[in-house]
Amino acid sequence: MGGVTMSANNQSVQGNDNHINLYEPHVWKHHTKVAGLEWKNLVGTASGTFQYAAVRWFYDVSQLGAVCTKGASPVPWEGNPSPRTAESPAANINAVGLQNPGIDHYLAEDLPKLKAAGAFVISNVAGHCDDDYAEVVEKLADSDADMLEINVSCPNVSAGGMSVGADPVALANLMDRLRPLTDKPMIVKLTPNVTDITVPARAAVEHGADALSMINTLKGMRINIRNGEPIIANVTGGVSGPAVLPIGLAAVYHTRTVLPDIPIIGLGGIDSGEKALEYLYAGANAVEVGAAALFDPVAPLRVARELDDLLDSRPELAAKLATGQTWR
């Protein structure tokens, strides 16, 4: 991508589209494989925290290992009423409600722009029932998306209103419905709001998932002490940020123990190369940066470059990841 690229010493190179990029192009030393597909580095963006129209001014999105886009639904969703967010110690709480313009807009506008920019794209799929998921997956089947990520944390009427990811039987039924619809690798993004995350993880894998991503947000809330009412209109929201790091690590570690061969993308609380490295040692093949990008738009690329340097002194780990293996 052209534009003004700026390195750490503030030297810049003028391109032809007047973008001001904080990072110049980088030659990646370490890569990984997820479900047989190569990522040029080990870091992607987490769904719901990335907006191309905003970050393209800061960095070249083709430099990322992967771009996971915001969940697309069959029709536009308006999302939840405001207030939608609240701050918490070492965390953010949001109840945006998967607001998005729908799959047709995504296919006509968002995905082509990302692919034109050279991004490796993971299209996130959202739905309120199995039919919703199936409609979106069918439309993505012949698209330019590189991978699909199925967000099974949405409240789902096919699962009695609960998250389908919390019910291994409902999740198995959903995957049986989706798997025949596409040959694209499917990642299942798992909720941590369960007793044992390895149970839905196993159900997803046994019914066709090519990879897992974990964790999605935890359920939480804040109270306004001036009126005694919840701050968020939806009452509860998803907790993300540094506070969830230990929970994400434990989920990856235990899932890797139970499912030694399935590719895992670790996320939750990553805001540095060192924290990303913890996920790799826990058994992840790759990582995604989410909440950190909400206050630092360049966080995903910064973490990727930090991690790339950290792997220089860990050749055994780097060699495993490059061939699709993991530390555990």
C-alpha atoms as a PDB file:
ATOM      1  CA  MET A   1       0.000   0.000   0.000  1.00  0.00           C
ATOM      2  CA  GLY A   2       1.363   3.391  -0.863  1.00  0.00           C
ATOM      3  CA  GLY A   3       1.394   6.535   1.197  1.00  0.00           C
ATOM      4  CA  VAL A   4       3.695   8.075   3.734  1.00  0.00           C
ATOM      5  CA  THR A   5       5.265   5.263   5.719  1.00  0.00           C
ATOM      6  CA  MET A   6       6.953   6.209   8.940  1.00  0.00           C
ATOM      7  CA  SER A   7       9.469   4.137  10.883  1.00  0.00           C
ATOM      8  CA  ALA A   8      10.385   4.364  14.545  1.00  0.00           C
ATOM      9  CA  ASN A   9      12.954   7.078  13.814  1.00  0.00           C
ATOM     10  CA  ASN A  10      10.229   9.092  12.040  1.00  0.00           C
ATOM     11  CA  GLN A  11      11.817   8.834   8.617  1.00  0.00           C
ATOM     12  CA  SER A  12       9.154   8.659   5.936  1.00  0.00           C
ATOM     13  CA  VAL A  13       8.740   7.610   2.347  1.00  0.00           C
ATOM     14  CA  GLN A  14       6.216   9.370   0.115  1.00  0.00           C
ATOM     15  CA  GLY A  15       3.813   7.157  -1.797  1.00  0.00           C
ATOM     16  CA  ASN A  16       0.955   8.002  -4.110  1.00  0.00           C
ATOM     17  CA  ASP A  17      -2.213   7.948  -2.013  1.00  0.00           C
ATOM     18  CA  ASN A  18      -1.400  10.372   0.814  1.00  0.00           C
ATOM     19  CA  HIS A  19      -1.895   7.837   3.612  1.00  0.00           C
ATOM     20  CA  ILE A  20       0.192   8.398   6.715  1.00  0.00           C
ATOM     21  CA  ASN A  21       1.282   4.975   7.915  1.00  0.00           C
ATOM     22  CA  LEU A  22       3.065   4.647  11.233  1.00  0.00           C
ATOM     23  CA  TYR A  23       4.900   1.505  10.185  1.00  0.00           C
ATOM     24  CA  GLU A  24       6.938   0.936   7.074  1.00  0.00           C
ATOM     25  CA  PRO A  25       6.705  -2.462   5.309  1.00  0.00           C
ATOM     26  CA  HIS A  26       8.294  -5.248   7.313  1.00  0.00           C
ATOM     27  CA  VAL A  27       9.972  -8.472   6.234  1.00  0.00           C
ATOM     28  CA  TRP A  28       8.461 -11.095   8.518  1.00  0.00           C
ATOM     29  CA  LYS A  29      10.845 -13.695   9.883  1.00  0.00           C
ATOM     30  CA  HIS A  30       8.309 -16.057  11.454  1.00  0.00           C
ATOM     31  CA  HIS A  31       5.011 -17.374  10.192  1.00  0.00           C
ATOM     32  CA  THR A  32       2.428 -19.984  11.105  1.00  0.00           C
ATOM     33  CA  LYS A  33      -0.162 -22.282   9.580  1.00  0.00           C
ATOM     34  CA  VAL A  34      -3.803 -22.461  10.648  1.00  0.00           C
ATOM     35  CA  ALA A  35      -5.946 -25.221   9.134  1.00  0.00           C
ATOM     36  CA  GLY A  36      -3.367 -25.655   6.399  1.00  0.00           C
ATOM     37  CA  LEU A  37      -3.295 -21.981   5.384  1.00  0.00           C
ATOM     38  CA  GLU A  38      -0.197 -19.891   5.931  1.00  0.00           C
ATOM     39  CA  TRP A  39      -0.285 -16.607   7.855  1.00  0.00           C
ATOM     40  CA  LYS A  40       2.663 -14.334   7.082  1.00  0.00           C
ATOM     41  CA  ASN A  41       2.978 -13.684  10.822  1.00  0.00           C
ATOM     42  CA  LEU A  42       1.228 -14.987  13.922  1.00  0.00           C
ATOM     43  CA  VAL A  43      -1.079 -12.068  14.694  1.00  0.00           C
ATOM     44  CA  GLY A  44      -4.527 -11.171  13.411  1.00  0.00           C
ATOM     45  CA  THR A  45      -7.241  -8.756  14.445  1.00  0.00           C
ATOM     46  CA  ALA A  46     -10.110  -9.963  16.613  1.00  0.00           C
ATOM     47  CA  SER A  47     -13.591  -9.638  15.176  1.00  0.00           C
ATOM     48  CA  GLY A  48     -15.489  -6.524  16.220  1.00  0.00           C
ATOM     49  CA  THR A  49     -12.401  -4.456  16.982  1.00  0.00           C
ATOM     50  CA  PHE A  50     -11.191  -3.772  13.449  1.00  0.00           C
ATOM     51  CA  GLN A  51     -12.435  -1.148  10.991  1.00  0.00           C
ATOM     52  CA  TYR A  52     -10.530  -0.797   7.743  1.00  0.00           C
ATOM     53  CA  ALA A  53     -11.722   2.754   7.095  1.00  0.00           C
ATOM     54  CA  ALA A  54     -10.032   3.840  10.317  1.00  0.00           C
ATOM     55  CA  VAL A  55      -6.859   1.759  10.551  1.00  0.00           C
ATOM     56  CA  ARG A  56      -5.804   2.135   6.911  1.00  0.00           C
ATOM     57  CA  TRP A  57      -4.469   5.552   7.856  1.00  0.00           C
ATOM     58  CA  PHE A  58      -2.140   3.979  10.398  1.00  0.00           C
ATOM     59  CA  TYR A  59      -0.806   0.824   8.776  1.00  0.00           C
ATOM     60  CA  ASP A  60      -0.956  -1.406   5.728  1.00  0.00           C
ATOM     61  CA  VAL A  61      -3.477  -4.158   6.530  1.00  0.00           C
ATOM     62  CA  SER A  62      -1.686  -6.598   4.234  1.00  0.00           C
ATOM     63  CA  GLN A  63       1.097  -6.632   6.835  1.00  0.00           C
ATOM     64  CA  LEU A  64      -1.111  -8.482   9.323  1.00  0.00           C
ATOM     65  CA  GLY A  65      -1.210 -12.243   9.619  1.00  0.00           C
ATOM     66  CA  ALA A  66      -4.993 -12.075   9.258  1.00  0.00           C
ATOM     67  CA  VAL A  67      -7.838  -9.596   9.418  1.00  0.00           C
ATOM     68  CA  CYS A  68     -10.916 -11.001  11.127  1.00  0.00           C
ATOM     69  CA  THR A  69     -13.851  -8.785  10.241  1.00  0.00           C
ATOM     70  CA  LYS A  70     -16.895  -7.832  12.284  1.00  0.00           C
ATOM     71  CA  GLY A  71     -19.681 -10.396  12.339  1.00  0.00           C
ATOM     72  CA  ALA A  72     -21.964 -10.343   9.307  1.00  0.00           C
ATOM     73  CA  SER A  73     -25.616 -11.309   9.643  1.00  0.00           C
ATOM     74  CA  PRO A  74     -28.221 -12.134   6.958  1.00  0.00           C
ATOM     75  CA  VAL A  75     -29.791  -8.671   7.200  1.00  0.00           C
ATOM     76  CA  PRO A  76     -28.602  -5.415   8.807  1.00  0.00           C
ATOM     77  CA  TRP A  77     -28.683  -5.445  12.590  1.00  0.00           C
ATOM     78  CA  GLU A  78     -29.093  -2.193  14.509  1.00  0.00           C
ATOM     79  CA  GLY A  79     -27.527  -3.568  17.654  1.00  0.00           C
ATOM     80  CA  ASN A  80     -28.422  -2.763  21.241  1.00  0.00           C
ATOM     81  CA  PRO A  81     -29.639   0.552  22.673  1.00  0.00           C
ATOM     82  CA  SER A  82     -27.213   2.960  24.348  1.00  0.00           C
ATOM     83  CA  PRO A  83     -25.329   3.134  26.640  1.00  0.00           C
ATOM     84  CA  ARG A  84     -23.420   0.206  25.157  1.00  0.00           C
ATOM     85  CA  THR A  85     -20.083   0.407  26.938  1.00  0.00           C
ATOM     86  CA  ALA A  86     -18.655   0.780  30.422  1.00  0.00           C
ATOM     87  CA  GLU A  87     -15.154   0.893  31.810  1.00  0.00           C
ATOM     88  CA  SER A  88     -13.923  -1.562  34.416  1.00  0.00           C
ATOM     89  CA  PRO A  89     -10.579  -2.134  36.161  1.00  0.00           C
ATOM     90  CA  ALA A  90      -8.191  -3.500  33.511  1.00  0.00           C
ATOM     91  CA  ALA A  91     -11.170  -4.205  31.249  1.00  0.00           C
ATOM     92  CA  ASN A  92     -13.843  -2.855  28.965  1.00  0.00           C
ATOM     93  CA  ILE A  93     -17.472  -3.978  28.899  1.00  0.00           C
ATOM     94  CA  ASN A  94     -19.469  -3.697  25.694  1.00  0.00           C
ATOM     95  CA  ALA A  95     -22.943  -4.637  24.559  1.00  0.00           C
ATOM     96  CA  VAL A  96     -22.897  -3.341  21.006  1.00  0.00           C
ATOM     97  CA  GLY A  97     -25.100  -6.210  19.898  1.00  0.00           C
ATOM     98  CA  LEU A  98     -23.235  -7.135  16.710  1.00  0.00           C
ATOM     99  CA  GLN A  99     -24.444  -4.056  14.832  1.00  0.00           C
ATOM    100  CA  ASN A 100     -23.569  -4.518  11.174  1.00  0.00           C
ATOM    101  CA  PRO A 101     -24.911  -3.620   7.703  1.00  0.00           C
ATOM    102  CA  GLY A 102     -25.554  -7.234   6.691  1.00  0.00           C
ATOM    103  CA  ILE A 103     -23.860  -9.828   4.506  1.00  0.00           C
ATOM    104  CA  ASP A 104     -24.850  -8.265   1.163  1.00  0.00           C
ATOM    105  CA  HIS A 105     -23.163  -4.986   2.076  1.00  0.00           C
ATOM    106  CA  TYR A 106     -20.157  -6.882   3.400  1.00  0.00           C
ATOM    107  CA  LEU A 107     -19.733  -8.774   0.132  1.00  0.00           C
ATOM    108  CA  ALA A 108     -20.224  -5.680  -2.013  1.00  0.00           C
ATOM    109  CA  GLU A 109     -18.142  -3.195  -0.016  1.00  0.00           C
ATOM    110  CA  ASP A 110     -16.044  -4.443   2.898  1.00  0.00           C
ATOM    111  CA  LEU A 111     -14.548  -7.691   1.658  1.00  0.00           C
ATOM    112  CA  PRO A 112     -13.496  -6.360  -1.792  1.00  0.00           C
ATOM    113  CA  LYS A 113     -11.667  -3.414  -0.217  1.00  0.00           C
ATOM    114  CA  LEU A 114      -9.728  -5.648   2.140  1.00  0.00           C
ATOM    115  CA  LYS A 115      -8.790  -8.118  -0.582  1.00  0.00           C
ATOM    116  CA  ALA A 116      -7.750  -5.253  -2.876  1.00  0.00           C
ATOM    117  CA  ALA A 117      -5.456  -4.078  -0.083  1.00  0.00           C
ATOM    118  CA  GLY A 118      -3.847  -7.532   0.059  1.00  0.00           C
ATOM    119  CA  ALA A 119      -5.305  -8.682   3.369  1.00  0.00           C
ATOM    120  CA  PHE A 120      -5.752 -12.307   4.430  1.00  0.00           C
ATOM    121  CA  VAL A 121      -9.394 -12.165   5.496  1.00  0.00           C
ATOM    122  CA  ILE A 122     -11.331 -14.202   8.025  1.00  0.00           C
ATOM    123  CA  SER A 123     -15.047 -13.457   7.642  1.00  0.00           C
ATOM    124  CA  ASN A 124     -16.926 -13.670  10.925  1.00  0.00           C
ATOM    125  CA  VAL A 125     -20.449 -15.092  10.755  1.00  0.00           C
ATOM    126  CA  ALA A 126     -23.218 -14.119  13.178  1.00  0.00           C
ATOM    127  CA  GLY A 127     -26.779 -15.353  13.547  1.00  0.00           C
ATOM    128  CA  HIS A 128     -29.757 -15.584  15.883  1.00  0.00           C
ATOM    129  CA  CYS A 129     -30.764 -19.023  14.617  1.00  0.00           C
ATOM    130  CA  ASP A 130     -29.304 -21.841  12.539  1.00  0.00           C
ATOM    131  CA  ASP A 131     -31.005 -20.508   9.410  1.00  0.00           C
ATOM    132  CA  ASP A 132     -29.215 -17.173   9.859  1.00  0.00           C
ATOM    133  CA  TYR A 133     -25.813 -18.839  10.016  1.00  0.00           C
ATOM    134  CA  ALA A 134     -26.584 -21.033   7.025  1.00  0.00           C
ATOM    135  CA  GLU A 135     -27.664 -18.075   4.876  1.00  0.00           C
ATOM    136  CA  VAL A 136     -24.461 -16.154   5.590  1.00  0.00           C
ATOM    137  CA  VAL A 137     -22.185 -19.153   5.090  1.00  0.00           C
ATOM    138  CA  GLU A 138     -23.865 -19.961   1.780  1.00  0.00           C
ATOM    139  CA  LYS A 139     -23.213 -16.425   0.542  1.00  0.00           C
ATOM    140  CA  LEU A 140     -19.602 -16.531   1.685  1.00  0.00           C
ATOM    141  CA  ALA A 141     -18.934 -19.959   0.175  1.00  0.00           C
ATOM    142  CA  ASP A 142     -17.879 -18.604  -3.219  1.00  0.00           C
ATOM    143  CA  SER A 143     -16.458 -15.306  -1.945  1.00  0.00           C
ATOM    144  CA  ASP A 144     -12.840 -14.181  -1.706  1.00  0.00           C
ATOM    145  CA  ALA A 145     -12.766 -14.734   2.057  1.00  0.00           C
ATOM    146  CA  ASP A 146      -9.818 -16.920   3.065  1.00  0.00           C
ATOM    147  CA  MET A 147     -11.441 -18.445   6.139  1.00  0.00           C
ATOM    148  CA  LEU A 148     -14.756 -18.243   7.995  1.00  0.00           C
ATOM    149  CA  GLU A 149     -15.172 -17.763  11.735  1.00  0.00           C
ATOM    150  CA  ILE A 150     -18.469 -18.878  13.243  1.00  0.00           C
ATOM    151  CA  ASN A 151     -19.414 -16.760  16.266  1.00  0.00           C
ATOM    152  CA  VAL A 152     -21.390 -19.164  18.432  1.00  0.00           C
ATOM    153  CA  SER A 153     -21.690 -16.753  21.355  1.00  0.00           C
ATOM    154  CA  CYS A 154     -24.826 -15.034  20.012  1.00  0.00           C
ATOM    155  CA  PRO A 155     -28.151 -15.723  21.772  1.00  0.00           C
ATOM    156  CA  ASN A 156     -29.740 -18.320  19.494  1.00  0.00           C
ATOM    157  CA  VAL A 157     -33.431 -19.128  19.217  1.00  0.00           C
ATOM    158  CA  SER A 158     -32.526 -22.550  17.812  1.00  0.00           C
ATOM    159  CA  ALA A 159     -30.863 -23.234  21.175  1.00  0.00           C
ATOM    160  CA  GLY A 160     -33.762 -21.943  23.250  1.00  0.00           C
ATOM    161  CA  GLY A 161     -32.386 -18.418  23.456  1.00  0.00           C
ATOM    162  CA  MET A 162     -29.066 -19.393  24.990  1.00  0.00           C
ATOM    163  CA  SER A 163     -25.696 -19.141  23.287  1.00  0.00           C
ATOM    164  CA  VAL A 164     -25.341 -22.093  20.936  1.00  0.00           C
ATOM    165  CA  GLY A 165     -21.691 -22.275  21.979  1.00  0.00           C
ATOM    166  CA  ALA A 166     -22.753 -23.117  25.524  1.00  0.00           C
ATOM    167  CA  ASP A 167     -24.722 -26.175  24.401  1.00  0.00           C
ATOM    168  CA  PRO A 168     -22.583 -28.883  22.773  1.00  0.00           C
ATOM    169  CA  VAL A 169     -25.617 -30.603  21.260  1.00  0.00           C
ATOM    170  CA  ALA A 170     -26.896 -27.394  19.663  1.00  0.00           C
ATOM    171  CA  LEU A 171     -23.371 -26.600  18.479  1.00  0.00           C
ATOM    172  CA  ALA A 172     -23.019 -30.049  16.910  1.00  0.00           C
ATOM    173  CA  ASN A 173     -26.341 -29.593  15.123  1.00  0.00           C
ATOM    174  CA  LEU A 174     -25.264 -26.189  13.828  1.00  0.00           C
ATOM    175  CA  MET A 175     -21.960 -27.502  12.508  1.00  0.00           C
ATOM    176  CA  ASP A 176     -23.724 -30.432  10.831  1.00  0.00           C
ATOM    177  CA  ARG A 177     -25.837 -27.825   9.042  1.00  0.00           C
ATOM    178  CA  LEU A 178     -22.933 -25.556   8.037  1.00  0.00           C
ATOM    179  CA  ARG A 179     -20.161 -27.971   7.136  1.00  0.00           C
ATOM    180  CA  PRO A 180     -21.674 -29.178   3.817  1.00  0.00           C
ATOM    181  CA  LEU A 181     -22.220 -25.584   2.662  1.00  0.00           C
ATOM    182  CA  THR A 182     -18.587 -24.625   2.065  1.00  0.00           C
ATOM    183  CA  ASP A 183     -15.103 -25.982   1.524  1.00  0.00           C
ATOM    184  CA  LYS A 184     -13.548 -22.939   3.168  1.00  0.00           C
ATOM    185  CA  PRO A 185     -11.810 -23.587   6.486  1.00  0.00           C
ATOM    186  CA  MET A 186     -14.209 -22.875   9.341  1.00  0.00           C
ATOM    187  CA  ILE A 187     -13.062 -21.581  12.702  1.00  0.00           C
ATOM    188  CA  VAL A 188     -15.484 -21.837  15.617  1.00  0.00           C
ATOM    189  CA  LYS A 189     -15.139 -18.977  18.102  1.00  0.00           C
ATOM    190  CA  LEU A 190     -15.963 -20.264  21.568  1.00  0.00           C
ATOM    191  CA  THR A 191     -17.518 -18.527  24.541  1.00  0.00           C
ATOM    192  CA  PRO A 192     -15.795 -18.814  27.946  1.00  0.00           C
ATOM    193  CA  ASN A 193     -19.155 -18.556  29.713  1.00  0.00           C
ATOM    194  CA  VAL A 194     -19.336 -22.305  30.276  1.00  0.00           C
ATOM    195  CA  THR A 195     -18.259 -24.738  32.983  1.00  0.00           C
ATOM    196  CA  ASP A 196     -15.715 -26.540  30.771  1.00  0.00           C
ATOM    197  CA  ILE A 197     -14.776 -25.007  27.415  1.00  0.00           C
ATOM    198  CA  THR A 198     -13.290 -28.282  26.200  1.00  0.00           C
ATOM    199  CA  VAL A 199     -16.788 -29.799  25.934  1.00  0.00           C
ATOM    200  CA  PRO A 200     -18.098 -27.438  23.212  1.00  0.00           C
ATOM    201  CA  ALA A 201     -14.607 -27.422  21.699  1.00  0.00           C
ATOM    202  CA  ARG A 202     -14.757 -31.173  21.187  1.00  0.00           C
ATOM    203  CA  ALA A 203     -18.297 -30.954  19.788  1.00  0.00           C
ATOM    204  CA  ALA A 204     -17.200 -28.325  17.252  1.00  0.00           C
ATOM    205  CA  VAL A 205     -14.202 -30.349  16.120  1.00  0.00           C
ATOM    206  CA  GLU A 206     -16.059 -33.657  15.893  1.00  0.00           C
ATOM    207  CA  HIS A 207     -18.691 -32.012  13.688  1.00  0.00           C
ATOM    208  CA  GLY A 208     -16.474 -30.282  11.180  1.00  0.00           C
ATOM    209  CA  ALA A 209     -14.596 -27.316  12.631  1.00  0.00           C
ATOM    210  CA  ASP A 210     -11.158 -26.866  11.052  1.00  0.00           C
ATOM    211  CA  ALA A 211      -9.897 -24.634  13.874  1.00  0.00           C
ATOM    212  CA  LEU A 212     -10.992 -23.004  17.120  1.00  0.00           C
ATOM    213  CA  SER A 213     -10.607 -19.452  18.389  1.00  0.00           C
ATOM    214  CA  MET A 214     -10.842 -18.639  22.081  1.00  0.00           C
ATOM    215  CA  ILE A 215     -11.888 -16.820  24.046  1.00  0.00           C
ATOM    216  CA  ASN A 216     -14.790 -14.577  23.239  1.00  0.00           C
ATOM    217  CA  THR A 217     -15.798 -12.077  25.925  1.00  0.00           C
ATOM    218  CA  LEU A 218     -16.971 -12.961  29.417  1.00  0.00           C
ATOM    219  CA  LYS A 219     -20.300 -11.776  30.768  1.00  0.00           C
ATOM    220  CA  GLY A 220     -20.103  -8.822  33.151  1.00  0.00           C
ATOM    221  CA  MET A 221     -21.727  -5.570  34.241  1.00  0.00           C
ATOM    222  CA  ARG A 222     -21.238  -2.274  36.093  1.00  0.00           C
ATOM    223  CA  ILE A 223     -23.672  -0.419  38.357  1.00  0.00           C
ATOM    224  CA  ASN A 224     -24.206   3.348  38.423  1.00  0.00           C
ATOM    225  CA  ILE A 225     -24.002   4.156  42.142  1.00  0.00           C
ATOM    226  CA  ARG A 226     -25.839   7.455  41.591  1.00  0.00           C
ATOM    227  CA  ASN A 227     -29.081   5.716  40.681  1.00  0.00           C
ATOM    228  CA  GLY A 228     -28.457   2.074  41.547  1.00  0.00           C
ATOM    229  CA  GLU A 229     -29.073   0.929  37.967  1.00  0.00           C
ATOM    230  CA  PRO A 230     -26.888  -0.937  35.449  1.00  0.00           C
ATOM    231  CA  ILE A 231     -24.720   1.402  33.394  1.00  0.00           C
ATOM    232  CA  ILE A 232     -25.276  -0.576  30.198  1.00  0.00           C
ATOM    233  CA  ALA A 233     -28.793  -0.496  28.747  1.00  0.00           C
ATOM    234  CA  ASN A 234     -28.554  -4.205  27.964  1.00  0.00           C
ATOM    235  CA  VAL A 235     -27.684  -4.743  31.669  1.00  0.00           C
ATOM    236  CA  THR A 236     -24.742  -7.045  30.937  1.00  0.00           C
ATOM    237  CA  GLY A 237     -22.046  -6.970  28.294  1.00  0.00           C
ATOM    238  CA  GLY A 238     -18.896  -8.685  27.154  1.00  0.00           C
ATOM    239  CA  VAL A 239     -15.784  -8.157  29.267  1.00  0.00           C
ATOM    240  CA  SER A 240     -12.510  -7.853  27.377  1.00  0.00           C
ATOM    241  CA  GLY A 241      -9.066  -6.355  27.927  1.00  0.00           C
ATOM    242  CA  PRO A 242      -6.053  -7.206  30.112  1.00  0.00           C
ATOM    243  CA  ALA A 243      -8.181  -8.680  32.912  1.00  0.00           C
ATOM    244  CA  VAL A 244      -9.235 -11.684  30.800  1.00  0.00           C
ATOM    245  CA  LEU A 245      -5.704 -12.798  29.885  1.00  0.00           C
ATOM    246  CA  PRO A 246      -5.429 -15.591  32.507  1.00  0.00           C
ATOM    247  CA  ILE A 247      -8.827 -16.976  31.515  1.00  0.00           C
ATOM    248  CA  GLY A 248      -7.940 -17.084  27.842  1.00  0.00           C
ATOM    249  CA  LEU A 249      -4.626 -18.761  28.551  1.00  0.00           C
ATOM    250  CA  ALA A 250      -6.259 -21.450  30.677  1.00  0.00           C
ATOM    251  CA  ALA A 251      -8.860 -22.108  27.975  1.00  0.00           C
ATOM    252  CA  VAL A 252      -6.199 -22.595  25.305  1.00  0.00           C
ATOM    253  CA  TYR A 253      -4.008 -24.743  27.563  1.00  0.00           C
ATOM    254  CA  HIS A 254      -6.794 -27.117  28.600  1.00  0.00           C
ATOM    255  CA  THR A 255      -8.247 -27.349  25.099  1.00  0.00           C
ATOM    256  CA  ARG A 256      -4.831 -28.165  23.661  1.00  0.00           C
ATOM    257  CA  THR A 257      -4.493 -30.943  26.246  1.00  0.00           C
ATOM    258  CA  VAL A 258      -7.812 -32.487  25.192  1.00  0.00           C
ATOM    259  CA  LEU A 259      -7.507 -31.788  21.453  1.00  0.00           C
ATOM    260  CA  PRO A 260      -3.811 -32.064  20.579  1.00  0.00           C
ATOM    261  CA  ASP A 261      -4.186 -31.656  16.816  1.00  0.00           C
ATOM    262  CA  ILE A 262      -6.788 -28.948  16.186  1.00  0.00           C
ATOM    263  CA  PRO A 263      -5.428 -25.491  15.265  1.00  0.00           C
ATOM    264  CA  ILE A 264      -6.196 -22.917  17.964  1.00  0.00           C
ATOM    265  CA  ILE A 265      -6.191 -19.135  17.695  1.00  0.00           C
ATOM    266  CA  GLY A 266      -5.732 -17.597  21.131  1.00  0.00           C
ATOM    267  CA  LEU A 267      -7.194 -14.238  22.115  1.00  0.00           C
ATOM    268  CA  GLY A 268      -8.094 -12.337  25.214  1.00  0.00           C
ATOM    269  CA  GLY A 269      -6.041  -9.677  26.974  1.00  0.00           C
ATOM    270  CA  ILE A 270      -3.197  -9.483  24.441  1.00  0.00           C
ATOM    271  CA  ASP A 271      -1.581  -6.061  24.218  1.00  0.00           C
ATOM    272  CA  SER A 272       2.094  -6.955  23.813  1.00  0.00           C
ATOM    273  CA  GLY A 273       4.366  -9.455  22.143  1.00  0.00           C
ATOM    274  CA  GLU A 274       5.116 -11.016  25.515  1.00  0.00           C
ATOM    275  CA  LYS A 275       1.451 -11.755  26.224  1.00  0.00           C
ATOM    276  CA  ALA A 276       1.022 -13.161  22.732  1.00  0.00           C
ATOM    277  CA  LEU A 277       3.998 -15.411  23.425  1.00  0.00           C
ATOM    278  CA  GLU A 278       2.244 -16.796  26.511  1.00  0.00           C
ATOM    279  CA  TYR A 279      -0.603 -17.988  24.293  1.00  0.00           C
ATOM    280  CA  LEU A 280       1.868 -19.738  21.977  1.00  0.00           C
ATOM    281  CA  TYR A 281       3.429 -21.557  24.910  1.00  0.00           C
ATOM    282  CA  ALA A 282      -0.085 -22.479  26.108  1.00  0.00           C
ATOM    283  CA  GLY A 283      -0.617 -24.285  22.817  1.00  0.00           C
ATOM    284  CA  ALA A 284      -1.985 -21.746  20.323  1.00  0.00           C
ATOM    285  CA  ASN A 285      -0.975 -21.715  16.652  1.00  0.00           C
ATOM    286  CA  ALA A 286      -1.684 -17.994  16.296  1.00  0.00           C
ATOM    287  CA  VAL A 287      -3.216 -15.099  18.209  1.00  0.00           C
ATOM    288  CA  GLU A 288      -5.594 -12.199  17.675  1.00  0.00           C
ATOM    289  CA  VAL A 289      -5.515  -8.730  19.209  1.00  0.00           C
ATOM    290  CA  GLY A 290      -8.877  -7.215  20.091  1.00  0.00           C
ATOM    291  CA  ALA A 291      -9.612  -4.739  22.877  1.00  0.00           C
ATOM    292  CA  ALA A 292      -6.111  -3.255  22.761  1.00  0.00           C
ATOM    293  CA  ALA A 293      -6.898  -1.923  19.272  1.00  0.00           C
ATOM    294  CA  LEU A 294      -9.813   0.097  20.648  1.00  0.00           C
ATOM    295  CA  PHE A 295      -7.439   2.507  22.362  1.00  0.00           C
ATOM    296  CA  ASP A 296      -4.305   1.868  20.278  1.00  0.00           C
ATOM    297  CA  PRO A 297      -5.270   1.426  16.606  1.00  0.00           C
ATOM    298  CA  VAL A 298      -1.837   0.063  15.681  1.00  0.00           C
ATOM    299  CA  ALA A 299      -1.787  -2.537  18.480  1.00  0.00           C
ATOM    300  CA  PRO A 300      -2.218  -5.607  16.219  1.00  0.00           C
ATOM    301  CA  LEU A 301       0.732  -4.677  14.020  1.00  0.00           C
ATOM    302  CA  ARG A 302       2.857  -3.548  16.976  1.00  0.00           C
ATOM    303  CA  VAL A 303       2.223  -6.846  18.763  1.00  0.00           C
ATOM    304  CA  ALA A 304       3.067  -8.750  15.569  1.00  0.00           C
ATOM    305  CA  ARG A 305       6.420  -7.014  15.251  1.00  0.00           C
ATOM    306  CA  GLU A 306       7.247  -7.487  18.921  1.00  0.00           C
ATOM    307  CA  LEU A 307       6.374 -11.170  18.678  1.00  0.00           C
ATOM    308  CA  ASP A 308       8.405 -11.576  15.495  1.00  0.00           C
ATOM    309  CA  ASP A 309      11.482 -10.355  17.370  1.00  0.00           C
ATOM    310  CA  LEU A 310      10.761 -12.476  20.456  1.00  0.00           C
ATOM    311  CA  LEU A 311      10.645 -15.620  18.330  1.00  0.00           C
ATOM    312  CA  ASP A 312      14.214 -14.982  17.128  1.00  0.00           C
ATOM    313  CA  SER A 313      15.505 -16.302  20.445  1.00  0.00           C
ATOM    314  CA  ARG A 314      13.036 -19.216  20.502  1.00  0.00           C
ATOM    315  CA  PRO A 315      13.945 -21.227  17.383  1.00  0.00           C
ATOM    316  CA  GLU A 316      12.328 -24.461  18.566  1.00  0.00           C
ATOM    317  CA  LEU A 317       8.952 -22.787  19.072  1.00  0.00           C
ATOM    318  CA  ALA A 318       9.235 -20.835  15.806  1.00  0.00           C
ATOM    319  CA  ALA A 319      10.081 -23.994  13.847  1.00  0.00           C
ATOM    320  CA  LYS A 320       7.054 -25.833  15.234  1.00  0.00           C
ATOM    321  CA  LEU A 321       4.672 -22.991  14.418  1.00  0.00           C
ATOM    322  CA  ALA A 322       5.994 -22.646  10.869  1.00  0.00           C
ATOM    323  CA  THR A 323       4.955 -26.222  10.111  1.00  0.00           C
ATOM    324  CA  GLY A 324       1.534 -26.028  11.765  1.00  0.00           C
ATOM    325  CA  GLN A 325       2.640 -27.630  15.021  1.00  0.00           C
ATOM    326  CA  THR A 326       2.444 -26.086  18.478  1.00  0.00           C
ATOM    327  CA  TRP A 327       4.540 -26.015  21.624  1.00  0.00           C
ATOM    328  CA  ARG A 328       2.250 -28.535  23.347  1.00  0.00           C
END
